[in-house]
Amino acid sequence: MKLISHRGNINGIQPNKENTQPYIQAAIDSGYDVEVDVWAVGESNQLYLGHDCPETETSLEWLFERRKSLWIHCKDFQALSFLIDKKLTMFFHEQESYTIISNGYIWAHNLLEINDKCVIPLLSESAISQWTQQPVYGVCSDYIQYLV
């Protein structure tokens, strides 16, 4: 099962560190993949990391160098449009139950119907502790270390 750190968190939510390059790299160095939030701004498509808004500048090169470990959540249409042909693992969703990821897997928010083609977000400690280990491709969590 693929273990995916949510925004770089592995052992709890750290809002001041999430979606920053050093924090993401630390999670990768610890052996996890990382889901990151990416925005594109302006005519030059300057890329930023950040959950609710573009916060920390990044680059396509930085993302591409870590492409084997990153699951890119495009936060706006501009990021989706800019990154769609860049051979990165990426997806876009707002409130959908299921979203197709560019690598052929399914990002599943509806946990009632899941299988080994799904990546599921278990973002709280209680979600992790209540989850009955069903076969899935991956789990994304702020507490991903709890599944080791």
Foldseek 3Di string as FASTA:
>chain_A
DAQEEEQLFAADDDPVRGQDVVSCVVSVVVPHAYEWEWEFDDPVRFIATDDPDRDHTDDPVSCVVRQVRYQYEYADPSSCVVCVPVPHFYWYDDDDQWTATPVGAIDGDPPVDAAQRYEYEQEDPVSVVPDDDHRYVYYYYSNSNVVD
